[in-house]
């Protein structure tokens, strides 16, 4: 069980195995990446940064976000592998992905988070 100070809930990572990647699919959103995260993803994928930016990123203001793929009514992260049921770049996934579900946004929206993530339990 994972807990983080300041959050009223805990997270059971074993729930990820049967979840179907709800945190990587669903509503459209942004997964912002830093320059160092871009470099790590390029290294993992063995691709130069220029190709990576053109293929996998979208500019959002002054930031870059991972692209999404529309699958039916879902907006999947470009790196979500539906067949495998997980992240194809897990080792180099951005901090935003690594810190889910402990995002400030969910501090006051625990019910919304519980609908999205089956691993959320009361602390």
PDB file of N, CA and C in Angstrom:
ATOM      1  N   UNK A   1       0.849  -1.179   0.000  1.00  0.00           N
ATOM      2  CA  UNK A   1       0.000   0.000   0.000  1.00  0.00           C
ATOM      3  C   UNK A   1       0.897   1.245   0.000  1.00  0.00           C
ATOM      4  N   UNK A   2       0.589   2.183  -0.867  1.00  0.00           N
ATOM      5  CA  UNK A   2       1.372   3.422  -0.941  1.00  0.00           C
ATOM      6  C   UNK A   2       0.557   4.566  -0.346  1.00  0.00           C
ATOM      7  N   UNK A   3       1.249   5.387   0.422  1.00  0.00           N
ATOM      8  CA  UNK A   3       0.632   6.572   1.012  1.00  0.00           C
ATOM      9  C   UNK A   3       1.546   7.763   0.771  1.00  0.00           C
ATOM     10  N   UNK A   4       0.952   8.930   0.745  1.00  0.00           N
ATOM     11  CA  UNK A   4       1.743  10.150   0.622  1.00  0.00           C
ATOM     12  C   UNK A   4       1.169  11.204   1.553  1.00  0.00           C
ATOM     13  N   UNK A   5       2.051  11.865   2.247  1.00  0.00           N
ATOM     14  CA  UNK A   5       1.634  12.900   3.197  1.00  0.00           C
ATOM     15  C   UNK A   5       0.800  13.960   2.481  1.00  0.00           C
ATOM     16  N   UNK A   6      -0.284  14.361   3.142  1.00  0.00           N
ATOM     17  CA  UNK A   6      -1.158  15.392   2.599  1.00  0.00           C
ATOM     18  C   UNK A   6      -2.317  14.852   1.777  1.00  0.00           C
ATOM     19  N   UNK A   7      -2.368  13.527   1.578  1.00  0.00           N
ATOM     20  CA  UNK A   7      -3.435  12.914   0.800  1.00  0.00           C
ATOM     21  C   UNK A   7      -4.288  12.045   1.712  1.00  0.00           C
ATOM     22  N   UNK A   8      -5.601  12.106   1.520  1.00  0.00           N
ATOM     23  CA  UNK A   8      -6.540  11.401   2.402  1.00  0.00           C
ATOM     24  C   UNK A   8      -6.817   9.978   1.951  1.00  0.00           C
ATOM     25  N   UNK A   9      -6.076   9.503   0.992  1.00  0.00           N
ATOM     26  CA  UNK A   9      -6.285   8.162   0.463  1.00  0.00           C
ATOM     27  C   UNK A   9      -4.938   7.461   0.304  1.00  0.00           C
ATOM     28  N   UNK A  10      -5.024   6.166   0.082  1.00  0.00           N
ATOM     29  CA  UNK A  10      -3.838   5.356  -0.186  1.00  0.00           C
ATOM     30  C   UNK A  10      -4.031   4.705  -1.548  1.00  0.00           C
ATOM     31  N   UNK A  11      -2.963   4.105  -2.047  1.00  0.00           N
ATOM     32  CA  UNK A  11      -2.993   3.483  -3.360  1.00  0.00           C
ATOM     33  C   UNK A  11      -2.444   2.065  -3.273  1.00  0.00           C
ATOM     34  N   UNK A  12      -3.212   1.116  -3.796  1.00  0.00           N
ATOM     35  CA  UNK A  12      -2.790  -0.282  -3.844  1.00  0.00           C
ATOM     36  C   UNK A  12      -2.319  -0.580  -5.270  1.00  0.00           C
ATOM     37  N   UNK A  13      -0.995  -0.589  -5.511  1.00  0.00           N
ATOM     38  CA  UNK A  13      -0.492  -0.784  -6.867  1.00  0.00           C
ATOM     39  C   UNK A  13      -0.837  -2.135  -7.482  1.00  0.00           C
ATOM     40  N   UNK A  14      -1.214  -3.111  -6.683  1.00  0.00           N
ATOM     41  CA  UNK A  14      -1.581  -4.410  -7.249  1.00  0.00           C
ATOM     42  C   UNK A  14      -2.851  -4.315  -8.103  1.00  0.00           C
ATOM     43  N   UNK A  15      -3.634  -3.261  -7.916  1.00  0.00           N
ATOM     44  CA  UNK A  15      -4.854  -3.071  -8.706  1.00  0.00           C
ATOM     45  C   UNK A  15      -4.546  -2.767 -10.171  1.00  0.00           C
ATOM     46  N   UNK A  16      -3.333  -2.324 -10.458  1.00  0.00           N
ATOM     47  CA  UNK A  16      -2.951  -1.986 -11.833  1.00  0.00           C
ATOM     48  C   UNK A  16      -3.030  -3.196 -12.760  1.00  0.00           C
ATOM     49  N   UNK A  17      -2.757  -4.375 -12.231  1.00  0.00           N
ATOM     50  CA  UNK A  17      -2.716  -5.590 -13.054  1.00  0.00           C
ATOM     51  C   UNK A  17      -4.036  -5.864 -13.767  1.00  0.00           C
ATOM     52  N   UNK A  18      -5.163  -5.539 -13.156  1.00  0.00           N
ATOM     53  CA  UNK A  18      -6.455  -5.831 -13.767  1.00  0.00           C
ATOM     54  C   UNK A  18      -7.239  -4.606 -14.185  1.00  0.00           C
ATOM     55  N   UNK A  19      -6.617  -3.469 -14.174  1.00  0.00           N
ATOM     56  CA  UNK A  19      -7.324  -2.203 -14.386  1.00  0.00           C
ATOM     57  C   UNK A  19      -7.603  -1.886 -15.849  1.00  0.00           C
ATOM     58  N   UNK A  20      -6.702  -2.243 -16.739  1.00  0.00           N
ATOM     59  CA  UNK A  20      -6.888  -1.885 -18.138  1.00  0.00           C
ATOM     60  C   UNK A  20      -6.372  -0.499 -18.467  1.00  0.00           C
ATOM     61  N   UNK A  21      -5.566   0.075 -17.617  1.00  0.00           N
ATOM     62  CA  UNK A  21      -4.915   1.354 -17.909  1.00  0.00           C
ATOM     63  C   UNK A  21      -5.815   2.567 -17.912  1.00  0.00           C
ATOM     64  N   UNK A  22      -6.752   2.614 -16.996  1.00  0.00           N
ATOM     65  CA  UNK A  22      -7.670   3.758 -16.970  1.00  0.00           C
ATOM     66  C   UNK A  22      -6.951   5.089 -16.775  1.00  0.00           C
ATOM     67  N   UNK A  23      -5.780   5.089 -16.154  1.00  0.00           N
ATOM     68  CA  UNK A  23      -5.041   6.342 -15.967  1.00  0.00           C
ATOM     69  C   UNK A  23      -4.317   6.747 -17.250  1.00  0.00           C
ATOM     70  N   UNK A  24      -4.233   5.850 -18.225  1.00  0.00           N
ATOM     71  CA  UNK A  24      -3.544   6.113 -19.494  1.00  0.00           C
ATOM     72  C   UNK A  24      -4.519   6.303 -20.643  1.00  0.00           C
ATOM     73  N   UNK A  25      -5.806   6.117 -20.363  1.00  0.00           N
ATOM     74  CA  UNK A  25      -6.847   6.185 -21.383  1.00  0.00           C
ATOM     75  C   UNK A  25      -8.020   6.994 -20.842  1.00  0.00           C
ATOM     76  N   UNK A  26      -8.976   7.249 -21.681  1.00  0.00           N
ATOM     77  CA  UNK A  26     -10.196   7.931 -21.225  1.00  0.00           C
ATOM     78  C   UNK A  26     -10.296   9.338 -21.760  1.00  0.00           C
ATOM     79  N   UNK A  27     -10.529  10.272 -20.867  1.00  0.00           N
ATOM     80  CA  UNK A  27     -10.676  11.668 -21.268  1.00  0.00           C
ATOM     81  C   UNK A  27      -9.366  12.220 -21.802  1.00  0.00           C
ATOM     82  N   UNK A  28      -9.484  13.190 -22.680  1.00  0.00           N
ATOM     83  CA  UNK A  28      -8.297  13.861 -23.196  1.00  0.00           C
ATOM     84  C   UNK A  28      -7.634  14.651 -22.075  1.00  0.00           C
ATOM     85  N   UNK A  29      -6.328  14.729 -22.123  1.00  0.00           N
ATOM     86  CA  UNK A  29      -5.590  15.468 -21.103  1.00  0.00           C
ATOM     87  C   UNK A  29      -4.167  15.714 -21.557  1.00  0.00           C
ATOM     88  N   UNK A  30      -3.369  16.224 -20.670  1.00  0.00           N
ATOM     89  CA  UNK A  30      -1.975  16.506 -20.981  1.00  0.00           C
ATOM     90  C   UNK A  30      -1.059  15.698 -20.084  1.00  0.00           C
ATOM     91  N   UNK A  31      -0.022  15.141 -20.679  1.00  0.00           N
ATOM     92  CA  UNK A  31       1.072  14.553 -19.923  1.00  0.00           C
ATOM     93  C   UNK A  31       2.290  15.375 -20.328  1.00  0.00           C
ATOM     94  N   UNK A  32       2.624  16.336 -19.500  1.00  0.00           N
ATOM     95  CA  UNK A  32       3.722  17.235 -19.804  1.00  0.00           C
ATOM     96  C   UNK A  32       5.059  16.559 -19.550  1.00  0.00           C
ATOM     97  N   UNK A  33       6.021  16.848 -20.421  1.00  0.00           N
ATOM     98  CA  UNK A  33       7.346  16.258 -20.303  1.00  0.00           C
ATOM     99  C   UNK A  33       8.402  17.357 -20.273  1.00  0.00           C
ATOM    100  N   UNK A  34       9.399  17.145 -19.447  1.00  0.00           N
ATOM    101  CA  UNK A  34      10.518  18.082 -19.313  1.00  0.00           C
ATOM    102  C   UNK A  34      11.603  17.723 -20.328  1.00  0.00           C
ATOM    103  N   UNK A  35      12.551  18.602 -20.530  1.00  0.00           N
ATOM    104  CA  UNK A  35      13.667  18.279 -21.436  1.00  0.00           C
ATOM    105  C   UNK A  35      14.416  17.004 -21.028  1.00  0.00           C
ATOM    106  N   UNK A  36      14.627  16.797 -19.738  1.00  0.00           N
ATOM    107  CA  UNK A  36      15.339  15.586 -19.311  1.00  0.00           C
ATOM    108  C   UNK A  36      14.479  14.332 -19.540  1.00  0.00           C
ATOM    109  N   UNK A  37      13.168  14.455 -19.402  1.00  0.00           N
ATOM    110  CA  UNK A  37      12.283  13.319 -19.677  1.00  0.00           C
ATOM    111  C   UNK A  37      12.250  13.010 -21.176  1.00  0.00           C
ATOM    112  N   UNK A  38      12.275  14.041 -21.995  1.00  0.00           N
ATOM    113  CA  UNK A  38      12.343  13.846 -23.442  1.00  0.00           C
ATOM    114  C   UNK A  38      13.629  13.099 -23.792  1.00  0.00           C
ATOM    115  N   UNK A  39      14.745  13.519 -23.203  1.00  0.00           N
ATOM    116  CA  UNK A  39      16.032  12.858 -23.470  1.00  0.00           C
ATOM    117  C   UNK A  39      15.989  11.388 -23.057  1.00  0.00           C
ATOM    118  N   UNK A  40      15.390  11.098 -21.912  1.00  0.00           N
ATOM    119  CA  UNK A  40      15.298   9.710 -21.438  1.00  0.00           C
ATOM    120  C   UNK A  40      14.428   8.876 -22.379  1.00  0.00           C
ATOM    121  N   UNK A  41      13.332   9.436 -22.843  1.00  0.00           N
ATOM    122  CA  UNK A  41      12.458   8.725 -23.771  1.00  0.00           C
ATOM    123  C   UNK A  41      13.162   8.488 -25.107  1.00  0.00           C
ATOM    124  N   UNK A  42      13.895   9.487 -25.589  1.00  0.00           N
ATOM    125  CA  UNK A  42      14.661   9.333 -26.834  1.00  0.00           C
ATOM    126  C   UNK A  42      15.690   8.215 -26.694  1.00  0.00           C
ATOM    127  N   UNK A  43      16.376   8.182 -25.575  1.00  0.00           N
ATOM    128  CA  UNK A  43      17.384   7.143 -25.344  1.00  0.00           C
ATOM    129  C   UNK A  43      16.738   5.761 -25.313  1.00  0.00           C
ATOM    130  N   UNK A  44      15.622   5.638 -24.621  1.00  0.00           N
ATOM    131  CA  UNK A  44      14.932   4.351 -24.541  1.00  0.00           C
ATOM    132  C   UNK A  44      14.470   3.884 -25.916  1.00  0.00           C
ATOM    133  N   UNK A  45      13.924   4.808 -26.688  1.00  0.00           N
ATOM    134  CA  UNK A  45      13.381   4.466 -28.011  1.00  0.00           C
ATOM    135  C   UNK A  45      14.443   4.468 -29.109  1.00  0.00           C
ATOM    136  N   UNK A  46      15.651   4.911 -28.759  1.00  0.00           N
ATOM    137  CA  UNK A  46      16.745   4.999 -29.737  1.00  0.00           C
ATOM    138  C   UNK A  46      16.328   5.827 -30.945  1.00  0.00           C
ATOM    139  N   UNK A  47      15.862   7.042 -30.652  1.00  0.00           N
ATOM    140  CA  UNK A  47      15.380   7.969 -31.674  1.00  0.00           C
ATOM    141  C   UNK A  47      15.969   9.346 -31.372  1.00  0.00           C
ATOM    142  N   UNK A  48      16.262  10.108 -32.427  1.00  0.00           N
ATOM    143  CA  UNK A  48      16.804  11.448 -32.168  1.00  0.00           C
ATOM    144  C   UNK A  48      15.675  12.375 -31.725  1.00  0.00           C
ATOM    145  N   UNK A  49      16.061  13.439 -31.029  1.00  0.00           N
ATOM    146  CA  UNK A  49      15.071  14.316 -30.408  1.00  0.00           C
ATOM    147  C   UNK A  49      14.156  14.993 -31.417  1.00  0.00           C
ATOM    148  N   UNK A  50      14.680  15.369 -32.559  1.00  0.00           N
ATOM    149  CA  UNK A  50      13.853  16.019 -33.573  1.00  0.00           C
ATOM    150  C   UNK A  50      12.725  15.087 -34.041  1.00  0.00           C
ATOM    151  N   UNK A  51      13.057  13.844 -34.333  1.00  0.00           N
ATOM    152  CA  UNK A  51      12.035  12.857 -34.727  1.00  0.00           C
ATOM    153  C   UNK A  51      11.060  12.599 -33.589  1.00  0.00           C
ATOM    154  N   UNK A  52      11.583  12.497 -32.382  1.00  0.00           N
ATOM    155  CA  UNK A  52      10.726  12.253 -31.226  1.00  0.00           C
ATOM    156  C   UNK A  52       9.702  13.373 -31.077  1.00  0.00           C
ATOM    157  N   UNK A  53      10.163  14.612 -31.138  1.00  0.00           N
ATOM    158  CA  UNK A  53       9.245  15.755 -30.991  1.00  0.00           C
ATOM    159  C   UNK A  53       8.158  15.738 -32.056  1.00  0.00           C
ATOM    160  N   UNK A  54       8.541  15.467 -33.313  1.00  0.00           N
ATOM    161  CA  UNK A  54       7.554  15.455 -34.410  1.00  0.00           C
ATOM    162  C   UNK A  54       6.562  14.300 -34.270  1.00  0.00           C
ATOM    163  N   UNK A  55       7.016  13.168 -33.772  1.00  0.00           N
ATOM    164  CA  UNK A  55       6.196  11.970 -33.720  1.00  0.00           C
ATOM    165  C   UNK A  55       5.335  11.864 -32.463  1.00  0.00           C
ATOM    166  N   UNK A  56       5.891  12.254 -31.319  1.00  0.00           N
ATOM    167  CA  UNK A  56       5.253  11.940 -30.044  1.00  0.00           C
ATOM    168  C   UNK A  56       4.791  13.133 -29.210  1.00  0.00           C
ATOM    169  N   UNK A  57       5.149  14.358 -29.607  1.00  0.00           N
ATOM    170  CA  UNK A  57       4.833  15.512 -28.766  1.00  0.00           C
ATOM    171  C   UNK A  57       3.933  16.523 -29.458  1.00  0.00           C
ATOM    172  N   UNK A  58       3.203  17.250 -28.636  1.00  0.00           N
ATOM    173  CA  UNK A  58       2.425  18.405 -29.084  1.00  0.00           C
ATOM    174  C   UNK A  58       2.808  19.587 -28.222  1.00  0.00           C
ATOM    175  N   UNK A  59       2.942  20.734 -28.824  1.00  0.00           N
ATOM    176  CA  UNK A  59       3.271  21.957 -28.092  1.00  0.00           C
ATOM    177  C   UNK A  59       1.997  22.489 -27.459  1.00  0.00           C
ATOM    178  N   UNK A  60       2.049  22.770 -26.178  1.00  0.00           N
ATOM    179  CA  UNK A  60       0.912  23.341 -25.445  1.00  0.00           C
ATOM    180  C   UNK A  60       1.438  24.564 -24.715  1.00  0.00           C
ATOM    181  N   UNK A  61       1.265  25.720 -25.306  1.00  0.00           N
ATOM    182  CA  UNK A  61       1.825  26.936 -24.715  1.00  0.00           C
ATOM    183  C   UNK A  61       3.338  26.857 -24.751  1.00  0.00           C
ATOM    184  N   UNK A  62       3.951  26.943 -23.575  1.00  0.00           N
ATOM    185  CA  UNK A  62       5.410  26.870 -23.483  1.00  0.00           C
ATOM    186  C   UNK A  62       5.892  25.480 -23.101  1.00  0.00           C
ATOM    187  N   UNK A  63       4.989  24.507 -23.112  1.00  0.00           N
ATOM    188  CA  UNK A  63       5.334  23.153 -22.687  1.00  0.00           C
ATOM    189  C   UNK A  63       5.083  22.157 -23.813  1.00  0.00           C
ATOM    190  N   UNK A  64       5.595  20.944 -23.606  1.00  0.00           N
ATOM    191  CA  UNK A  64       5.316  19.846 -24.522  1.00  0.00           C
ATOM    192  C   UNK A  64       4.532  18.775 -23.774  1.00  0.00           C
ATOM    193  N   UNK A  65       3.541  18.217 -24.450  1.00  0.00           N
ATOM    194  CA  UNK A  65       2.722  17.131 -23.906  1.00  0.00           C
ATOM    195  C   UNK A  65       2.806  15.937 -24.842  1.00  0.00           C
ATOM    196  N   UNK A  66       2.735  14.739 -24.277  1.00  0.00           N
ATOM    197  CA  UNK A  66       2.682  13.544 -25.110  1.00  0.00           C
ATOM    198  C   UNK A  66       1.395  13.558 -25.924  1.00  0.00           C
ATOM    199  N   UNK A  67       1.483  13.105 -27.143  1.00  0.00           N
ATOM    200  CA  UNK A  67       0.301  13.013 -28.005  1.00  0.00           C
ATOM    201  C   UNK A  67      -0.648  11.936 -27.475  1.00  0.00           C
ATOM    202  N   UNK A  68      -1.850  11.974 -28.003  1.00  0.00           N
ATOM    203  CA  UNK A  68      -2.851  10.965 -27.694  1.00  0.00           C
ATOM    204  C   UNK A  68      -3.280  10.296 -28.994  1.00  0.00           C
ATOM    205  N   UNK A  69      -3.764   9.081 -28.857  1.00  0.00           N
ATOM    206  CA  UNK A  69      -4.373   8.338 -29.964  1.00  0.00           C
ATOM    207  C   UNK A  69      -5.843   8.183 -29.623  1.00  0.00           C
ATOM    208  N   UNK A  70      -6.703   8.470 -30.560  1.00  0.00           N
ATOM    209  CA  UNK A  70      -8.135   8.289 -30.323  1.00  0.00           C
ATOM    210  C   UNK A  70      -8.499   6.862 -30.701  1.00  0.00           C
ATOM    211  N   UNK A  71      -9.044   6.143 -29.719  1.00  0.00           N
ATOM    212  CA  UNK A  71      -9.475   4.756 -29.906  1.00  0.00           C
ATOM    213  C   UNK A  71     -10.929   4.708 -29.465  1.00  0.00           C
ATOM    214  N   UNK A  72     -11.838   4.647 -30.428  1.00  0.00           N
ATOM    215  CA  UNK A  72     -13.263   4.715 -30.104  1.00  0.00           C
ATOM    216  C   UNK A  72     -13.558   6.061 -29.462  1.00  0.00           C
ATOM    217  N   UNK A  73     -14.069   6.036 -28.235  1.00  0.00           N
ATOM    218  CA  UNK A  73     -14.357   7.271 -27.506  1.00  0.00           C
ATOM    219  C   UNK A  73     -13.234   7.641 -26.545  1.00  0.00           C
ATOM    220  N   UNK A  74     -12.170   6.875 -26.569  1.00  0.00           N
ATOM    221  CA  UNK A  74     -11.072   7.065 -25.617  1.00  0.00           C
ATOM    222  C   UNK A  74      -9.910   7.828 -26.236  1.00  0.00           C
ATOM    223  N   UNK A  75      -9.242   8.573 -25.404  1.00  0.00           N
ATOM    224  CA  UNK A  75      -8.000   9.250 -25.775  1.00  0.00           C
ATOM    225  C   UNK A  75      -6.877   8.526 -25.030  1.00  0.00           C
ATOM    226  N   UNK A  76      -6.136   7.707 -25.750  1.00  0.00           N
ATOM    227  CA  UNK A  76      -5.065   6.914 -25.145  1.00  0.00           C
ATOM    228  C   UNK A  76      -3.736   7.662 -25.245  1.00  0.00           C
ATOM    229  N   UNK A  77      -2.929   7.572 -24.222  1.00  0.00           N
ATOM    230  CA  UNK A  77      -1.561   8.057 -24.303  1.00  0.00           C
ATOM    231  C   UNK A  77      -0.893   7.359 -25.487  1.00  0.00           C
ATOM    232  N   UNK A  78      -0.082   8.080 -26.223  1.00  0.00           N
ATOM    233  CA  UNK A  78       0.604   7.536 -27.391  1.00  0.00           C
ATOM    234  C   UNK A  78       1.443   6.302 -27.041  1.00  0.00           C
ATOM    235  N   UNK A  79       1.855   6.191 -25.792  1.00  0.00           N
ATOM    236  CA  UNK A  79       2.698   5.080 -25.371  1.00  0.00           C
ATOM    237  C   UNK A  79       1.924   3.964 -24.657  1.00  0.00           C
ATOM    238  N   UNK A  80       0.603   4.084 -24.590  1.00  0.00           N
ATOM    239  CA  UNK A  80      -0.178   3.027 -23.963  1.00  0.00           C
ATOM    240  C   UNK A  80      -0.369   1.900 -24.965  1.00  0.00           C
ATOM    241  N   UNK A  81      -0.026   0.702 -24.578  1.00  0.00           N
ATOM    242  CA  UNK A  81      -0.153  -0.480 -25.428  1.00  0.00           C
ATOM    243  C   UNK A  81      -1.373  -1.266 -24.966  1.00  0.00           C
ATOM    244  N   UNK A  82      -2.463  -1.177 -25.712  1.00  0.00           N
ATOM    245  CA  UNK A  82      -3.715  -1.850 -25.328  1.00  0.00           C
ATOM    246  C   UNK A  82      -3.562  -3.368 -25.303  1.00  0.00           C
ATOM    247  N   UNK A  83      -2.799  -3.923 -26.228  1.00  0.00           N
ATOM    248  CA  UNK A  83      -2.628  -5.381 -26.265  1.00  0.00           C
ATOM    249  C   UNK A  83      -1.901  -5.882 -25.022  1.00  0.00           C
ATOM    250  N   UNK A  84      -0.856  -5.187 -24.637  1.00  0.00           N
ATOM    251  CA  UNK A  84      -0.083  -5.585 -23.454  1.00  0.00           C
ATOM    252  C   UNK A  84      -0.747  -5.103 -22.169  1.00  0.00           C
ATOM    253  N   UNK A  85      -1.619  -4.106 -22.296  1.00  0.00           N
ATOM    254  CA  UNK A  85      -2.301  -3.571 -21.118  1.00  0.00           C
ATOM    255  C   UNK A  85      -1.405  -2.726 -20.243  1.00  0.00           C
ATOM    256  N   UNK A  86      -0.487  -2.004 -20.866  1.00  0.00           N
ATOM    257  CA  UNK A  86       0.404  -1.176 -20.064  1.00  0.00           C
ATOM    258  C   UNK A  86       1.222  -0.200 -20.897  1.00  0.00           C
ATOM    259  N   UNK A  87       2.131   0.436 -20.230  1.00  0.00           N
ATOM    260  CA  UNK A  87       2.963   1.482 -20.818  1.00  0.00           C
ATOM    261  C   UNK A  87       4.145   0.869 -21.567  1.00  0.00           C
ATOM    262  N   UNK A  88       4.324   1.277 -22.815  1.00  0.00           N
ATOM    263  CA  UNK A  88       5.424   0.744 -23.616  1.00  0.00           C
ATOM    264  C   UNK A  88       6.759   1.418 -23.305  1.00  0.00           C
ATOM    265  N   UNK A  89       6.731   2.493 -22.528  1.00  0.00           N
ATOM    266  CA  UNK A  89       7.970   3.188 -22.136  1.00  0.00           C
ATOM    267  C   UNK A  89       8.056   3.300 -20.611  1.00  0.00           C
ATOM    268  N   UNK A  90       7.550   2.294 -19.929  1.00  0.00           N
ATOM    269  CA  UNK A  90       7.412   2.323 -18.471  1.00  0.00           C
ATOM    270  C   UNK A  90       8.694   2.754 -17.758  1.00  0.00           C
ATOM    271  N   UNK A  91       9.832   2.253 -18.194  1.00  0.00           N
ATOM    272  CA  UNK A  91      11.105   2.558 -17.527  1.00  0.00           C
ATOM    273  C   UNK A  91      11.443   4.043 -17.595  1.00  0.00           C
ATOM    274  N   UNK A  92      10.961   4.737 -18.626  1.00  0.00           N
ATOM    275  CA  UNK A  92      11.287   6.153 -18.806  1.00  0.00           C
ATOM    276  C   UNK A  92      10.046   7.037 -18.748  1.00  0.00           C
ATOM    277  N   UNK A  93       8.977   6.533 -18.165  1.00  0.00           N
ATOM    278  CA  UNK A  93       7.737   7.318 -18.140  1.00  0.00           C
ATOM    279  C   UNK A  93       7.959   8.631 -17.380  1.00  0.00           C
ATOM    280  N   UNK A  94       7.252   9.677 -17.799  1.00  0.00           N
ATOM    281  CA  UNK A  94       7.423  10.996 -17.171  1.00  0.00           C
ATOM    282  C   UNK A  94       7.011  11.015 -15.691  1.00  0.00           C
ATOM    283  N   UNK A  95       7.497  12.010 -14.980  1.00  0.00           N
ATOM    284  CA  UNK A  95       7.184  12.174 -13.555  1.00  0.00           C
ATOM    285  C   UNK A  95       5.680  12.266 -13.328  1.00  0.00           C
ATOM    286  N   UNK A  96       4.975  12.897 -14.237  1.00  0.00           N
ATOM    287  CA  UNK A  96       3.527  13.022 -14.082  1.00  0.00           C
ATOM    288  C   UNK A  96       2.886  11.639 -14.008  1.00  0.00           C
ATOM    289  N   UNK A  97       3.386  10.702 -14.768  1.00  0.00           N
ATOM    290  CA  UNK A  97       2.870   9.325 -14.734  1.00  0.00           C
ATOM    291  C   UNK A  97       3.336   8.604 -13.469  1.00  0.00           C
ATOM    292  N   UNK A  98       4.583   8.817 -13.098  1.00  0.00           N
ATOM    293  CA  UNK A  98       5.151   8.154 -11.916  1.00  0.00           C
ATOM    294  C   UNK A  98       4.440   8.563 -10.624  1.00  0.00           C
ATOM    295  N   UNK A  99       3.931   9.779 -10.580  1.00  0.00           N
ATOM    296  CA  UNK A  99       3.329  10.287  -9.348  1.00  0.00           C
ATOM    297  C   UNK A  99       1.825  10.030  -9.244  1.00  0.00           C
ATOM    298  N   UNK A 100       1.203   9.560 -10.324  1.00  0.00           N
ATOM    299  CA  UNK A 100      -0.219   9.231 -10.254  1.00  0.00           C
ATOM    300  C   UNK A 100      -0.412   8.119  -9.233  1.00  0.00           C
ATOM    301  N   UNK A 101      -1.390   8.168  -8.372  1.00  0.00           N
ATOM    302  CA  UNK A 101      -2.549   9.062  -8.283  1.00  0.00           C
ATOM    303  C   UNK A 101      -2.377  10.221  -7.288  1.00  0.00           C
ATOM    304  N   UNK A 102      -1.150  10.468  -6.881  1.00  0.00           N
ATOM    305  CA  UNK A 102      -0.924  11.519  -5.875  1.00  0.00           C
ATOM    306  C   UNK A 102      -0.690  12.871  -6.545  1.00  0.00           C
ATOM    307  N   UNK A 103      -1.735  13.372  -7.175  1.00  0.00           N
ATOM    308  CA  UNK A 103      -1.725  14.683  -7.820  1.00  0.00           C
ATOM    309  C   UNK A 103      -2.547  15.639  -6.972  1.00  0.00           C
ATOM    310  N   UNK A 104      -2.114  16.869  -6.862  1.00  0.00           N
ATOM    311  CA  UNK A 104      -2.849  17.878  -6.094  1.00  0.00           C
ATOM    312  C   UNK A 104      -4.300  17.990  -6.565  1.00  0.00           C
ATOM    313  N   UNK A 105      -4.522  17.839  -7.847  1.00  0.00           N
ATOM    314  CA  UNK A 105      -5.867  17.924  -8.412  1.00  0.00           C
ATOM    315  C   UNK A 105      -6.838  17.009  -7.671  1.00  0.00           C
ATOM    316  N   UNK A 106      -6.382  15.821  -7.295  1.00  0.00           N
ATOM    317  CA  UNK A 106      -7.278  14.835  -6.678  1.00  0.00           C
ATOM    318  C   UNK A 106      -7.455  15.008  -5.174  1.00  0.00           C
ATOM    319  N   UNK A 107      -6.729  15.915  -4.549  1.00  0.00           N
ATOM    320  CA  UNK A 107      -6.873  16.110  -3.106  1.00  0.00           C
ATOM    321  C   UNK A 107      -8.312  16.431  -2.729  1.00  0.00           C
ATOM    322  N   UNK A 108      -8.985  17.195  -3.551  1.00  0.00           N
ATOM    323  CA  UNK A 108     -10.372  17.569  -3.260  1.00  0.00           C
ATOM    324  C   UNK A 108     -11.359  16.855  -4.183  1.00  0.00           C
ATOM    325  N   UNK A 109     -10.874  15.867  -4.934  1.00  0.00           N
ATOM    326  CA  UNK A 109     -11.728  15.135  -5.880  1.00  0.00           C
ATOM    327  C   UNK A 109     -11.526  13.621  -5.729  1.00  0.00           C
ATOM    328  N   UNK A 110     -11.533  13.147  -4.513  1.00  0.00           N
ATOM    329  CA  UNK A 110     -11.267  11.733  -4.242  1.00  0.00           C
ATOM    330  C   UNK A 110     -12.329  10.841  -4.873  1.00  0.00           C
ATOM    331  N   UNK A 111     -13.580  11.259  -4.870  1.00  0.00           N
ATOM    332  CA  UNK A 111     -14.641  10.446  -5.479  1.00  0.00           C
ATOM    333  C   UNK A 111     -14.393  10.269  -6.984  1.00  0.00           C
ATOM    334  N   UNK A 112     -13.971  11.333  -7.653  1.00  0.00           N
ATOM    335  CA  UNK A 112     -13.638  11.257  -9.082  1.00  0.00           C
ATOM    336  C   UNK A 112     -12.473  10.279  -9.300  1.00  0.00           C
ATOM    337  N   UNK A 113     -11.468  10.369  -8.457  1.00  0.00           N
ATOM    338  CA  UNK A 113     -10.310   9.493  -8.552  1.00  0.00           C
ATOM    339  C   UNK A 113     -10.704   8.033  -8.340  1.00  0.00           C
ATOM    340  N   UNK A 114     -11.565   7.771  -7.378  1.00  0.00           N
ATOM    341  CA  UNK A 114     -12.015   6.401  -7.102  1.00  0.00           C
ATOM    342  C   UNK A 114     -12.743   5.805  -8.318  1.00  0.00           C
ATOM    343  N   UNK A 115     -13.469   6.634  -9.054  1.00  0.00           N
ATOM    344  CA  UNK A 115     -14.145   6.149 -10.262  1.00  0.00           C
ATOM    345  C   UNK A 115     -13.128   5.804 -11.351  1.00  0.00           C
ATOM    346  N   UNK A 116     -12.011   6.511 -11.378  1.00  0.00           N
ATOM    347  CA  UNK A 116     -10.993   6.273 -12.395  1.00  0.00           C
ATOM    348  C   UNK A 116     -10.043   5.145 -12.024  1.00  0.00           C
ATOM    349  N   UNK A 117      -9.683   5.057 -10.764  1.00  0.00           N
ATOM    350  CA  UNK A 117      -8.629   4.144 -10.350  1.00  0.00           C
ATOM    351  C   UNK A 117      -9.109   3.154  -9.294  1.00  0.00           C
ATOM    352  N   UNK A 118      -9.131   1.850  -9.620  1.00  0.00           N
ATOM    353  CA  UNK A 118      -9.592   0.846  -8.666  1.00  0.00           C
ATOM    354  C   UNK A 118      -8.616   0.610  -7.520  1.00  0.00           C
ATOM    355  N   UNK A 119      -7.427   1.208  -7.582  1.00  0.00           N
ATOM    356  CA  UNK A 119      -6.445   1.016  -6.527  1.00  0.00           C
ATOM    357  C   UNK A 119      -6.547   2.006  -5.387  1.00  0.00           C
ATOM    358  N   UNK A 120      -7.520   2.907  -5.448  1.00  0.00           N
ATOM    359  CA  UNK A 120      -7.657   3.929  -4.403  1.00  0.00           C
ATOM    360  C   UNK A 120      -8.449   3.367  -3.233  1.00  0.00           C
ATOM    361  N   UNK A 121      -7.872   3.506  -2.058  1.00  0.00           N
ATOM    362  CA  UNK A 121      -8.536   3.047  -0.830  1.00  0.00           C
ATOM    363  C   UNK A 121      -8.448   4.153   0.211  1.00  0.00           C
ATOM    364  N   UNK A 122      -9.388   4.144   1.123  1.00  0.00           N
ATOM    365  CA  UNK A 122      -9.372   5.139   2.206  1.00  0.00           C
ATOM    366  C   UNK A 122      -8.155   4.872   3.085  1.00  0.00           C
ATOM    367  N   UNK A 123      -7.498   5.954   3.453  1.00  0.00           N
ATOM    368  CA  UNK A 123      -6.268   5.826   4.271  1.00  0.00           C
ATOM    369  C   UNK A 123      -6.582   5.425   5.689  1.00  0.00           C
TER     370      UNK A 123
END
